[in-house]
């Protein structure tokens, strides 16, 4: 299949694989992969000290018999002030398992749905080549592409410092490289604009 390329000197089309950009939309798979990415962003750093982790308490506070007090073997017992927790919390990972086949299938489904809904715009590489990191220049470029959406994600082949600086003042525009692209970013924006080299790079990764 062919996708139109905008932003160039002349109207051109880019040949892409139908297996990637015309596949069926698998909603349960996309939901599972997106939820797994959101869960993986949780820190999971809650931690408490158990009786073994609390410093001190190695010496028996008093002899076993004859003092009239209850038996005690350590001042770091969970029953004592300053002691350890009985069931101490431990750092954990909330990242569920998503294998490579599931990830690629979800990405193909999302990209194909973006093409069907006409939310994916393919850009000529020169369309995002800014002369200076100016927000005004980037806004003018976006208007020339004909993208009308509340939020826009620009995907480029590699990190572009000028483009990143120009877009950081726009609250509804984000820029990312192919390596930083993930399913959550694709579904969070109303419109996606990719340069032709970035699109081919994604196609090769998902083949």
N, C-alpha and C. Protein backbone atom coordinates (compact mmCIF):
# COMPACT_ATOMS: atom_id res chain seq x y z
N UNK A 1 0.84 -1.19 0.00
CA UNK A 1 0.00 0.00 0.00
C UNK A 1 0.88 1.25 0.00
N UNK A 2 0.28 2.36 -0.40
CA UNK A 2 1.01 3.61 -0.51
C UNK A 2 0.38 4.67 0.39
N UNK A 3 1.25 5.46 1.03
CA UNK A 3 0.80 6.54 1.89
C UNK A 3 1.33 7.86 1.33
N UNK A 4 0.50 8.89 1.27
CA UNK A 4 0.97 10.19 0.74
C UNK A 4 1.97 10.83 1.68
N UNK A 5 2.98 11.48 1.10
CA UNK A 5 4.01 12.18 1.85
C UNK A 5 3.79 13.68 1.67
N UNK A 6 3.64 14.40 2.79
CA UNK A 6 3.38 15.83 2.74
C UNK A 6 4.63 16.58 3.22
N UNK A 7 4.67 17.85 2.91
CA UNK A 7 5.76 18.69 3.36
C UNK A 7 6.92 18.78 2.40
N UNK A 8 6.87 18.07 1.30
CA UNK A 8 7.95 18.10 0.34
C UNK A 8 7.70 19.10 -0.78
N UNK A 9 8.67 19.21 -1.67
CA UNK A 9 8.53 20.15 -2.79
C UNK A 9 7.48 19.67 -3.78
N UNK A 10 7.35 18.34 -3.91
CA UNK A 10 6.37 17.76 -4.83
C UNK A 10 5.59 16.68 -4.11
N UNK A 11 4.40 16.38 -4.60
CA UNK A 11 3.56 15.35 -4.00
C UNK A 11 4.12 13.97 -4.33
N UNK A 12 4.42 13.20 -3.32
CA UNK A 12 4.96 11.86 -3.50
C UNK A 12 4.20 10.89 -2.61
N UNK A 13 4.47 9.61 -2.82
CA UNK A 13 3.87 8.55 -2.02
C UNK A 13 4.95 7.61 -1.55
N UNK A 14 4.70 6.99 -0.38
CA UNK A 14 5.66 6.08 0.22
C UNK A 14 5.06 4.68 0.25
N UNK A 15 5.79 3.73 -0.30
CA UNK A 15 5.34 2.34 -0.31
C UNK A 15 5.63 1.70 1.04
N UNK A 16 4.59 1.16 1.68
CA UNK A 16 4.73 0.51 2.99
C UNK A 16 4.10 -0.87 2.93
N UNK A 17 4.47 -1.70 3.89
CA UNK A 17 3.99 -3.08 3.91
C UNK A 17 2.56 -3.14 4.46
N UNK A 18 1.69 -3.87 3.77
CA UNK A 18 0.32 -4.02 4.24
C UNK A 18 0.25 -4.84 5.52
N UNK A 19 1.22 -5.73 5.74
CA UNK A 19 1.21 -6.55 6.95
C UNK A 19 1.36 -5.70 8.19
N UNK A 20 1.98 -4.54 8.05
CA UNK A 20 2.17 -3.65 9.20
C UNK A 20 1.11 -2.56 9.27
N UNK A 21 0.76 -1.97 8.15
CA UNK A 21 -0.10 -0.80 8.15
C UNK A 21 -1.51 -1.08 7.65
N UNK A 22 -1.85 -2.35 7.46
CA UNK A 22 -3.22 -2.71 7.06
C UNK A 22 -3.71 -3.94 7.82
N UNK A 23 -3.10 -4.22 8.96
CA UNK A 23 -3.51 -5.39 9.74
C UNK A 23 -4.79 -5.09 10.50
N UNK A 24 -5.43 -6.15 10.97
CA UNK A 24 -6.69 -6.00 11.74
C UNK A 24 -6.39 -5.44 13.12
N UNK A 25 -7.39 -4.74 13.65
CA UNK A 25 -7.23 -4.13 14.97
C UNK A 25 -7.61 -5.14 16.05
N UNK A 26 -6.65 -5.49 16.88
CA UNK A 26 -6.87 -6.45 17.97
C UNK A 26 -6.97 -5.66 19.27
N UNK A 27 -8.20 -5.29 19.64
CA UNK A 27 -8.38 -4.43 20.81
C UNK A 27 -7.92 -5.07 22.12
N UNK A 28 -8.23 -6.35 22.40
CA UNK A 28 -7.74 -6.95 23.66
C UNK A 28 -6.22 -6.96 23.76
N UNK A 29 -5.53 -7.22 22.65
CA UNK A 29 -4.06 -7.22 22.67
C UNK A 29 -3.53 -5.83 22.92
N UNK A 30 -4.09 -4.83 22.24
CA UNK A 30 -3.64 -3.45 22.43
C UNK A 30 -3.88 -3.01 23.87
N UNK A 31 -5.02 -3.35 24.41
CA UNK A 31 -5.32 -2.99 25.80
C UNK A 31 -4.33 -3.62 26.76
N UNK A 32 -4.01 -4.89 26.54
CA UNK A 32 -3.07 -5.58 27.44
C UNK A 32 -1.69 -4.96 27.39
N UNK A 33 -1.22 -4.62 26.20
CA UNK A 33 0.13 -4.05 26.06
C UNK A 33 0.18 -2.64 26.64
N UNK A 34 -0.86 -1.84 26.40
CA UNK A 34 -0.89 -0.47 26.93
C UNK A 34 -0.94 -0.49 28.45
N UNK A 35 -1.77 -1.35 29.02
CA UNK A 35 -1.86 -1.45 30.48
C UNK A 35 -0.53 -1.91 31.06
N UNK A 36 0.16 -2.82 30.39
CA UNK A 36 1.45 -3.29 30.89
C UNK A 36 2.49 -2.17 30.91
N UNK A 37 2.46 -1.29 29.88
CA UNK A 37 3.39 -0.16 29.86
C UNK A 37 3.08 0.82 30.98
N UNK A 38 1.81 1.07 31.22
CA UNK A 38 1.44 1.98 32.30
C UNK A 38 1.80 1.39 33.66
N UNK A 39 1.63 0.09 33.82
CA UNK A 39 1.98 -0.55 35.08
C UNK A 39 3.49 -0.54 35.31
N UNK A 40 4.25 -0.67 34.22
CA UNK A 40 5.71 -0.68 34.35
C UNK A 40 6.26 0.67 34.79
N UNK A 41 5.47 1.74 34.60
CA UNK A 41 5.94 3.06 35.02
C UNK A 41 5.81 3.28 36.52
N UNK A 42 5.12 2.40 37.22
CA UNK A 42 5.01 2.54 38.67
C UNK A 42 6.36 2.26 39.32
N UNK A 43 6.67 3.05 40.33
CA UNK A 43 8.01 2.95 40.94
C UNK A 43 8.16 1.66 41.73
N UNK A 44 7.20 1.34 42.58
CA UNK A 44 7.31 0.12 43.38
C UNK A 44 8.49 0.14 44.33
N UNK A 45 8.78 1.32 44.94
CA UNK A 45 9.97 1.45 45.78
C UNK A 45 9.63 1.43 47.27
N UNK A 46 8.41 1.09 47.64
CA UNK A 46 8.06 1.03 49.05
C UNK A 46 8.88 -0.04 49.75
N UNK A 47 9.49 0.32 50.89
CA UNK A 47 10.34 -0.64 51.61
C UNK A 47 10.31 -0.35 53.10
N UNK A 48 10.33 -1.38 53.89
CA UNK A 48 10.41 -1.28 55.34
C UNK A 48 11.47 -2.27 55.83
N UNK A 49 11.93 -2.04 57.05
CA UNK A 49 12.96 -2.91 57.61
C UNK A 49 12.34 -4.00 58.49
N UNK A 50 12.78 -5.20 58.23
CA UNK A 50 12.35 -6.31 59.07
C UNK A 50 13.23 -6.38 60.32
N UNK A 51 12.96 -7.35 61.16
CA UNK A 51 13.75 -7.51 62.38
C UNK A 51 15.23 -7.74 62.06
N UNK A 52 15.49 -8.46 60.95
CA UNK A 52 16.87 -8.74 60.57
C UNK A 52 17.57 -7.53 59.98
N UNK A 53 16.81 -6.59 59.42
CA UNK A 53 17.42 -5.44 58.76
C UNK A 53 17.66 -4.27 59.70
N UNK A 54 16.96 -4.21 60.85
CA UNK A 54 17.15 -3.11 61.78
C UNK A 54 18.50 -3.24 62.47
N UNK A 55 19.21 -2.12 62.59
CA UNK A 55 20.54 -2.16 63.20
C UNK A 55 20.44 -2.34 64.71
N UNK A 56 21.35 -3.15 65.24
CA UNK A 56 21.40 -3.37 66.69
C UNK A 56 20.56 -4.57 67.10
N UNK A 57 20.40 -4.72 68.41
CA UNK A 57 19.57 -5.79 68.93
C UNK A 57 20.24 -7.14 69.00
N UNK A 58 21.54 -7.18 68.81
CA UNK A 58 22.21 -8.48 68.85
C UNK A 58 22.42 -9.01 70.26
N UNK A 59 22.40 -8.14 71.22
CA UNK A 59 22.66 -8.56 72.61
C UNK A 59 21.33 -8.75 73.34
N UNK A 60 21.26 -9.82 74.13
CA UNK A 60 20.06 -10.07 74.92
C UNK A 60 19.96 -8.98 75.99
N UNK A 61 18.80 -8.29 76.07
CA UNK A 61 18.72 -7.12 76.96
C UNK A 61 18.86 -7.47 78.45
N UNK A 62 18.42 -8.61 78.89
CA UNK A 62 18.59 -9.08 80.27
C UNK A 62 18.55 -10.60 80.29
N UNK A 63 18.95 -11.16 81.39
CA UNK A 63 19.03 -12.62 81.48
C UNK A 63 17.65 -13.25 81.38
N UNK A 64 17.66 -14.51 81.06
CA UNK A 64 16.41 -15.20 80.79
C UNK A 64 15.52 -15.29 82.03
N UNK A 65 16.10 -15.56 83.18
CA UNK A 65 15.30 -15.80 84.38
C UNK A 65 15.76 -14.90 85.52
N UNK A 66 14.88 -14.70 86.50
CA UNK A 66 15.26 -14.03 87.73
C UNK A 66 15.02 -12.55 87.78
N UNK A 67 14.74 -11.89 86.62
CA UNK A 67 14.55 -10.44 86.66
C UNK A 67 13.09 -10.05 86.93
N UNK A 68 12.19 -10.98 86.78
CA UNK A 68 10.78 -10.68 86.97
C UNK A 68 10.12 -10.10 85.73
N UNK A 69 10.88 -9.85 84.70
CA UNK A 69 10.32 -9.31 83.46
C UNK A 69 10.12 -10.43 82.43
N UNK A 70 9.37 -10.10 81.42
CA UNK A 70 9.12 -11.10 80.37
C UNK A 70 10.40 -11.41 79.62
N UNK A 71 10.44 -12.60 79.09
CA UNK A 71 11.63 -13.03 78.34
C UNK A 71 11.79 -12.16 77.08
N UNK A 72 13.00 -11.76 76.81
CA UNK A 72 13.31 -10.96 75.62
C UNK A 72 14.68 -11.35 75.10
N UNK A 73 14.74 -11.52 73.78
CA UNK A 73 16.02 -11.90 73.19
C UNK A 73 16.67 -10.78 72.40
N UNK A 74 15.90 -9.71 72.08
CA UNK A 74 16.45 -8.63 71.28
C UNK A 74 15.62 -7.37 71.50
N UNK A 75 16.29 -6.23 71.47
CA UNK A 75 15.57 -4.95 71.57
C UNK A 75 15.01 -4.52 70.22
N UNK A 76 15.23 -5.31 69.19
CA UNK A 76 14.72 -5.00 67.86
C UNK A 76 13.54 -5.90 67.49
N UNK A 77 12.92 -6.49 68.47
CA UNK A 77 11.72 -7.29 68.25
C UNK A 77 10.60 -6.41 67.70
N UNK A 78 9.75 -6.91 66.83
CA UNK A 78 8.63 -6.11 66.33
C UNK A 78 7.70 -5.61 67.44
N UNK A 79 7.75 -6.20 68.60
CA UNK A 79 6.90 -5.76 69.71
C UNK A 79 7.48 -4.56 70.43
N UNK A 80 8.72 -4.25 70.17
CA UNK A 80 9.40 -3.15 70.85
C UNK A 80 9.37 -1.90 69.98
N UNK A 81 9.41 -0.75 70.67
CA UNK A 81 9.56 0.52 69.96
C UNK A 81 10.95 0.58 69.35
N UNK A 82 11.03 0.88 68.06
CA UNK A 82 12.31 0.89 67.36
C UNK A 82 12.64 -0.45 66.74
N UNK A 83 11.76 -1.43 66.90
CA UNK A 83 12.01 -2.74 66.30
C UNK A 83 11.60 -2.80 64.85
N UNK A 84 11.83 -3.97 64.25
CA UNK A 84 11.49 -4.15 62.85
C UNK A 84 10.01 -4.43 62.65
N UNK A 85 9.59 -4.38 61.39
CA UNK A 85 8.21 -4.69 61.02
C UNK A 85 8.07 -6.20 60.87
N UNK A 86 6.90 -6.72 61.26
CA UNK A 86 6.69 -8.16 61.17
C UNK A 86 6.64 -8.61 59.71
N UNK A 87 5.78 -8.00 58.90
CA UNK A 87 5.71 -8.30 57.47
C UNK A 87 6.17 -7.05 56.71
N UNK A 88 7.47 -6.89 56.63
CA UNK A 88 8.06 -5.69 56.04
C UNK A 88 7.80 -5.65 54.54
N UNK A 89 7.44 -4.44 54.05
CA UNK A 89 7.24 -4.26 52.61
C UNK A 89 8.58 -4.32 51.89
N UNK A 90 8.56 -4.83 50.69
CA UNK A 90 9.77 -4.97 49.89
C UNK A 90 9.56 -4.31 48.53
N UNK A 91 10.62 -3.73 47.95
CA UNK A 91 10.48 -3.17 46.59
C UNK A 91 10.01 -4.25 45.62
N UNK A 92 9.08 -3.88 44.75
CA UNK A 92 8.53 -4.85 43.82
C UNK A 92 8.39 -4.22 42.45
N UNK A 93 8.27 -5.05 41.44
CA UNK A 93 8.06 -4.61 40.06
C UNK A 93 6.62 -4.89 39.66
N UNK A 94 5.97 -3.87 39.09
CA UNK A 94 4.61 -4.03 38.62
C UNK A 94 4.57 -4.33 37.12
N UNK A 95 5.72 -4.62 36.54
CA UNK A 95 5.83 -4.82 35.11
C UNK A 95 5.35 -6.22 34.74
N UNK A 96 4.18 -6.35 34.10
CA UNK A 96 3.73 -7.68 33.68
C UNK A 96 4.50 -8.14 32.44
N UNK A 97 4.47 -9.41 32.20
CA UNK A 97 5.23 -9.97 31.09
C UNK A 97 4.52 -9.70 29.77
N UNK A 98 5.23 -9.08 28.84
CA UNK A 98 4.74 -8.89 27.47
C UNK A 98 5.88 -9.32 26.55
N UNK A 99 5.66 -10.40 25.83
CA UNK A 99 6.74 -10.88 24.97
C UNK A 99 6.82 -10.07 23.68
N UNK A 100 7.84 -10.36 22.90
CA UNK A 100 8.11 -9.56 21.70
C UNK A 100 7.01 -9.69 20.66
N UNK A 101 6.43 -10.88 20.53
CA UNK A 101 5.38 -11.10 19.54
C UNK A 101 4.13 -10.28 19.88
N UNK A 102 3.79 -10.23 21.16
CA UNK A 102 2.63 -9.43 21.59
C UNK A 102 2.88 -7.94 21.34
N UNK A 103 4.08 -7.47 21.68
CA UNK A 103 4.41 -6.05 21.49
C UNK A 103 4.33 -5.66 20.02
N UNK A 104 4.93 -6.47 19.15
CA UNK A 104 4.91 -6.15 17.73
C UNK A 104 3.48 -6.19 17.18
N UNK A 105 2.70 -7.16 17.62
CA UNK A 105 1.31 -7.24 17.16
C UNK A 105 0.50 -6.04 17.58
N UNK A 106 0.70 -5.58 18.80
CA UNK A 106 -0.03 -4.40 19.28
C UNK A 106 0.39 -3.15 18.51
N UNK A 107 1.68 -2.98 18.27
CA UNK A 107 2.16 -1.82 17.52
C UNK A 107 1.61 -1.82 16.09
N UNK A 108 1.59 -2.98 15.44
CA UNK A 108 1.04 -3.07 14.09
C UNK A 108 -0.45 -2.72 14.09
N UNK A 109 -1.18 -3.21 15.10
CA UNK A 109 -2.61 -2.93 15.17
C UNK A 109 -2.87 -1.44 15.37
N UNK A 110 -2.09 -0.80 16.22
CA UNK A 110 -2.27 0.63 16.48
C UNK A 110 -1.95 1.44 15.22
N UNK A 111 -0.84 1.13 14.57
CA UNK A 111 -0.45 1.88 13.37
C UNK A 111 -1.48 1.70 12.25
N UNK A 112 -1.98 0.48 12.08
CA UNK A 112 -2.97 0.23 11.04
C UNK A 112 -4.27 0.99 11.33
N UNK A 113 -4.66 1.06 12.60
CA UNK A 113 -5.87 1.80 12.95
C UNK A 113 -5.68 3.30 12.75
N UNK A 114 -4.48 3.80 13.01
CA UNK A 114 -4.20 5.21 12.76
C UNK A 114 -4.31 5.53 11.28
N UNK A 115 -3.84 4.62 10.43
CA UNK A 115 -3.95 4.83 8.99
C UNK A 115 -5.41 4.80 8.56
N UNK A 116 -6.20 3.84 9.08
CA UNK A 116 -7.61 3.75 8.70
C UNK A 116 -8.39 4.99 9.13
N UNK A 117 -8.07 5.54 10.30
CA UNK A 117 -8.76 6.72 10.79
C UNK A 117 -8.14 8.02 10.26
N UNK A 118 -7.14 7.91 9.41
CA UNK A 118 -6.48 9.07 8.80
C UNK A 118 -5.89 10.00 9.86
N UNK A 119 -5.32 9.39 10.88
CA UNK A 119 -4.66 10.16 11.94
C UNK A 119 -3.14 10.10 11.82
N UNK A 120 -2.64 9.37 10.84
CA UNK A 120 -1.19 9.24 10.64
C UNK A 120 -0.79 10.03 9.40
N UNK A 121 0.14 10.97 9.57
CA UNK A 121 0.64 11.79 8.48
C UNK A 121 2.11 11.49 8.26
N UNK A 122 2.47 11.20 7.02
CA UNK A 122 3.87 10.93 6.67
C UNK A 122 4.48 12.22 6.15
N UNK A 123 5.62 12.58 6.72
CA UNK A 123 6.26 13.84 6.39
C UNK A 123 7.54 13.62 5.60
N UNK A 124 7.82 14.54 4.74
CA UNK A 124 9.12 14.58 4.07
C UNK A 124 10.18 14.96 5.10
N UNK A 125 11.38 14.38 5.06
CA UNK A 125 12.41 14.74 6.06
C UNK A 125 12.71 16.22 6.15
N UNK A 126 12.61 16.92 5.04
CA UNK A 126 12.86 18.35 5.06
C UNK A 126 11.77 19.16 5.73
N UNK A 127 10.61 18.56 5.97
CA UNK A 127 9.51 19.29 6.58
C UNK A 127 9.76 19.59 8.05
N UNK A 128 10.64 18.82 8.70
CA UNK A 128 10.92 19.03 10.12
C UNK A 128 12.32 19.59 10.33
N UNK A 129 13.02 19.92 9.26
CA UNK A 129 14.37 20.48 9.37
C UNK A 129 14.26 21.98 9.62
N UNK A 130 14.35 22.39 10.86
CA UNK A 130 14.21 23.80 11.22
C UNK A 130 15.54 24.52 11.07
N UNK A 131 15.48 25.77 10.67
CA UNK A 131 16.69 26.57 10.55
C UNK A 131 17.20 27.01 11.92
N UNK A 132 16.30 27.10 12.90
CA UNK A 132 16.65 27.50 14.26
C UNK A 132 15.62 26.90 15.21
N UNK A 133 15.97 26.73 16.48
CA UNK A 133 15.00 26.18 17.44
C UNK A 133 13.94 27.20 17.84
N UNK A 134 13.08 27.55 16.90
CA UNK A 134 12.06 28.57 17.11
C UNK A 134 10.67 27.92 17.10
N UNK A 135 9.90 28.20 18.14
CA UNK A 135 8.55 27.66 18.24
C UNK A 135 7.66 28.20 17.12
N UNK A 136 7.84 29.47 16.79
CA UNK A 136 7.02 30.08 15.74
C UNK A 136 7.22 29.38 14.41
N UNK A 137 8.46 29.01 14.11
CA UNK A 137 8.73 28.32 12.85
C UNK A 137 8.09 26.94 12.84
N UNK A 138 8.12 26.23 13.97
CA UNK A 138 7.51 24.91 14.04
C UNK A 138 5.99 25.00 13.90
N UNK A 139 5.37 26.00 14.51
CA UNK A 139 3.92 26.18 14.39
C UNK A 139 3.54 26.41 12.93
N UNK A 140 4.34 27.20 12.23
CA UNK A 140 4.07 27.43 10.82
C UNK A 140 4.20 26.16 10.00
N UNK A 141 5.19 25.34 10.33
CA UNK A 141 5.35 24.07 9.62
C UNK A 141 4.14 23.16 9.85
N UNK A 142 3.68 23.09 11.09
CA UNK A 142 2.54 22.21 11.41
C UNK A 142 1.29 22.66 10.66
N UNK A 143 1.08 23.96 10.56
CA UNK A 143 -0.08 24.46 9.82
C UNK A 143 0.02 24.13 8.34
N UNK A 144 1.23 24.15 7.81
CA UNK A 144 1.40 23.85 6.39
C UNK A 144 1.15 22.37 6.09
N UNK A 145 1.28 21.51 7.10
CA UNK A 145 1.03 20.07 6.89
C UNK A 145 -0.46 19.76 6.83
N UNK A 146 -1.29 20.68 7.28
CA UNK A 146 -2.72 20.44 7.27
C UNK A 146 -3.20 19.54 8.40
N UNK A 147 -2.43 19.44 9.47
CA UNK A 147 -2.81 18.62 10.62
C UNK A 147 -3.70 19.44 11.54
N UNK A 148 -4.93 19.03 11.69
CA UNK A 148 -5.87 19.72 12.58
C UNK A 148 -6.27 18.77 13.70
N UNK A 149 -5.64 18.92 14.84
CA UNK A 149 -5.91 18.05 15.99
C UNK A 149 -5.55 18.81 17.25
N UNK A 150 -6.13 18.38 18.37
CA UNK A 150 -5.86 19.01 19.64
C UNK A 150 -4.46 18.68 20.15
N UNK A 151 -3.95 17.49 19.79
CA UNK A 151 -2.62 17.09 20.23
C UNK A 151 -1.91 16.38 19.09
N UNK A 152 -0.59 16.55 19.05
CA UNK A 152 0.19 16.02 17.93
C UNK A 152 1.49 15.42 18.46
N UNK A 153 1.82 14.24 17.95
CA UNK A 153 3.09 13.59 18.26
C UNK A 153 3.94 13.55 17.00
N UNK A 154 5.13 14.13 17.07
CA UNK A 154 6.08 14.11 15.96
C UNK A 154 7.10 13.00 16.21
N UNK A 155 7.21 12.09 15.27
CA UNK A 155 8.15 10.98 15.38
C UNK A 155 9.22 11.16 14.32
N UNK A 156 10.47 11.26 14.76
CA UNK A 156 11.60 11.45 13.85
C UNK A 156 12.54 10.26 13.97
N UNK A 157 13.42 10.14 12.99
CA UNK A 157 14.31 8.99 12.96
C UNK A 157 15.29 8.98 14.13
N UNK A 158 15.83 10.14 14.47
CA UNK A 158 16.77 10.27 15.58
C UNK A 158 16.49 11.59 16.29
N UNK A 159 17.07 11.73 17.47
CA UNK A 159 16.83 12.93 18.27
C UNK A 159 17.30 14.18 17.53
N UNK A 160 16.41 15.17 17.48
CA UNK A 160 16.71 16.45 16.84
C UNK A 160 16.61 17.54 17.91
N UNK A 161 17.75 18.12 18.25
CA UNK A 161 17.78 19.11 19.33
C UNK A 161 16.98 20.36 18.98
N UNK A 162 17.08 20.83 17.75
CA UNK A 162 16.33 22.02 17.36
C UNK A 162 14.83 21.77 17.43
N UNK A 163 14.42 20.63 16.95
CA UNK A 163 12.99 20.30 16.96
C UNK A 163 12.47 20.14 18.39
N UNK A 164 13.27 19.52 19.26
CA UNK A 164 12.85 19.33 20.65
C UNK A 164 12.73 20.66 21.38
N UNK A 165 13.66 21.58 21.13
CA UNK A 165 13.60 22.89 21.78
C UNK A 165 12.44 23.73 21.25
N UNK A 166 12.13 23.59 19.97
CA UNK A 166 11.04 24.35 19.39
C UNK A 166 9.68 23.86 19.87
N UNK A 167 9.58 22.57 20.20
CA UNK A 167 8.29 21.98 20.57
C UNK A 167 8.02 22.01 22.07
N UNK A 168 9.03 22.31 22.88
CA UNK A 168 8.81 22.21 24.32
C UNK A 168 7.91 23.30 24.87
N UNK A 169 7.72 24.39 24.13
CA UNK A 169 6.80 25.45 24.56
C UNK A 169 5.36 25.20 24.10
N UNK A 170 5.15 24.13 23.34
CA UNK A 170 3.81 23.79 22.87
C UNK A 170 3.26 22.67 23.74
N UNK A 171 2.25 22.94 24.55
CA UNK A 171 1.79 21.93 25.52
C UNK A 171 1.16 20.71 24.88
N UNK A 172 0.65 20.84 23.65
CA UNK A 172 -0.05 19.72 23.01
C UNK A 172 0.76 19.09 21.89
N UNK A 173 2.05 19.41 21.83
CA UNK A 173 2.93 18.84 20.80
C UNK A 173 4.11 18.19 21.49
N UNK A 174 4.41 16.97 21.09
CA UNK A 174 5.55 16.25 21.66
C UNK A 174 6.38 15.68 20.52
N UNK A 175 7.67 15.56 20.76
CA UNK A 175 8.61 15.03 19.77
C UNK A 175 9.33 13.84 20.38
N UNK A 176 9.45 12.76 19.63
CA UNK A 176 10.20 11.61 20.11
C UNK A 176 10.87 10.92 18.93
N UNK A 177 11.92 10.20 19.23
CA UNK A 177 12.61 9.42 18.21
C UNK A 177 11.97 8.05 18.10
N UNK A 178 12.39 7.28 17.11
CA UNK A 178 11.83 5.94 16.93
C UNK A 178 12.14 5.06 18.12
N UNK A 179 13.34 5.21 18.71
CA UNK A 179 13.72 4.39 19.86
C UNK A 179 12.85 4.68 21.07
N UNK A 180 12.35 5.89 21.20
CA UNK A 180 11.54 6.27 22.36
C UNK A 180 10.05 6.05 22.15
N UNK A 181 9.65 5.58 20.97
CA UNK A 181 8.23 5.40 20.68
C UNK A 181 7.70 4.16 21.39
N UNK A 182 6.50 4.27 21.93
CA UNK A 182 5.86 3.14 22.62
C UNK A 182 4.36 3.19 22.37
N UNK A 183 3.63 2.12 22.68
CA UNK A 183 2.18 2.11 22.41
C UNK A 183 1.41 3.19 23.16
N UNK A 184 1.83 3.54 24.37
CA UNK A 184 1.11 4.54 25.14
C UNK A 184 1.15 5.89 24.44
N UNK A 185 2.28 6.27 23.90
CA UNK A 185 2.38 7.54 23.19
C UNK A 185 1.50 7.55 21.95
N UNK A 186 1.42 6.43 21.26
CA UNK A 186 0.63 6.38 20.03
C UNK A 186 -0.86 6.55 20.30
N UNK A 187 -1.34 6.02 21.42
CA UNK A 187 -2.78 6.11 21.70
C UNK A 187 -3.14 7.37 22.47
N UNK A 188 -2.17 8.10 23.00
CA UNK A 188 -2.46 9.29 23.80
C UNK A 188 -2.65 10.55 22.96
N UNK A 189 -2.24 10.52 21.70
CA UNK A 189 -2.32 11.72 20.87
C UNK A 189 -3.38 11.55 19.80
N UNK A 190 -4.02 12.66 19.45
CA UNK A 190 -5.08 12.63 18.45
C UNK A 190 -4.52 12.49 17.04
N UNK A 191 -3.31 12.95 16.82
CA UNK A 191 -2.70 12.87 15.49
C UNK A 191 -1.23 12.50 15.64
N UNK A 192 -0.74 11.72 14.68
CA UNK A 192 0.66 11.29 14.66
C UNK A 192 1.27 11.74 13.34
N UNK A 193 2.41 12.38 13.40
CA UNK A 193 3.14 12.78 12.20
C UNK A 193 4.53 12.15 12.26
N UNK A 194 4.87 11.37 11.23
CA UNK A 194 6.16 10.68 11.19
C UNK A 194 6.90 11.06 9.92
N UNK A 195 8.18 11.21 10.04
CA UNK A 195 8.98 11.39 8.84
C UNK A 195 9.08 10.05 8.11
N UNK A 196 9.29 10.12 6.80
CA UNK A 196 9.36 8.90 6.00
C UNK A 196 10.48 7.96 6.47
N UNK A 197 11.70 8.46 6.78
CA UNK A 197 12.72 7.54 7.30
C UNK A 197 12.33 6.89 8.62
N UNK A 198 11.66 7.64 9.50
CA UNK A 198 11.22 7.06 10.76
C UNK A 198 10.18 5.97 10.54
N UNK A 199 9.28 6.20 9.59
CA UNK A 199 8.25 5.20 9.28
C UNK A 199 8.87 3.92 8.73
N UNK A 200 9.84 4.04 7.87
CA UNK A 200 10.50 2.85 7.33
C UNK A 200 11.29 2.12 8.41
N UNK A 201 11.86 2.89 9.34
CA UNK A 201 12.60 2.25 10.43
C UNK A 201 11.66 1.46 11.33
N UNK A 202 10.48 2.00 11.60
CA UNK A 202 9.49 1.29 12.40
C UNK A 202 9.01 0.05 11.65
N UNK A 203 8.83 0.19 10.36
CA UNK A 203 8.38 -0.95 9.56
C UNK A 203 9.39 -2.09 9.60
N UNK A 204 10.66 -1.76 9.53
CA UNK A 204 11.69 -2.80 9.60
C UNK A 204 11.71 -3.46 10.97
N UNK A 205 11.49 -2.68 12.04
CA UNK A 205 11.51 -3.25 13.39
C UNK A 205 10.33 -4.17 13.62
N UNK A 206 9.19 -3.90 12.98
CA UNK A 206 7.98 -4.69 13.21
C UNK A 206 7.79 -5.80 12.18
N UNK A 207 8.70 -5.91 11.24
CA UNK A 207 8.56 -6.93 10.20
C UNK A 207 8.72 -8.34 10.78
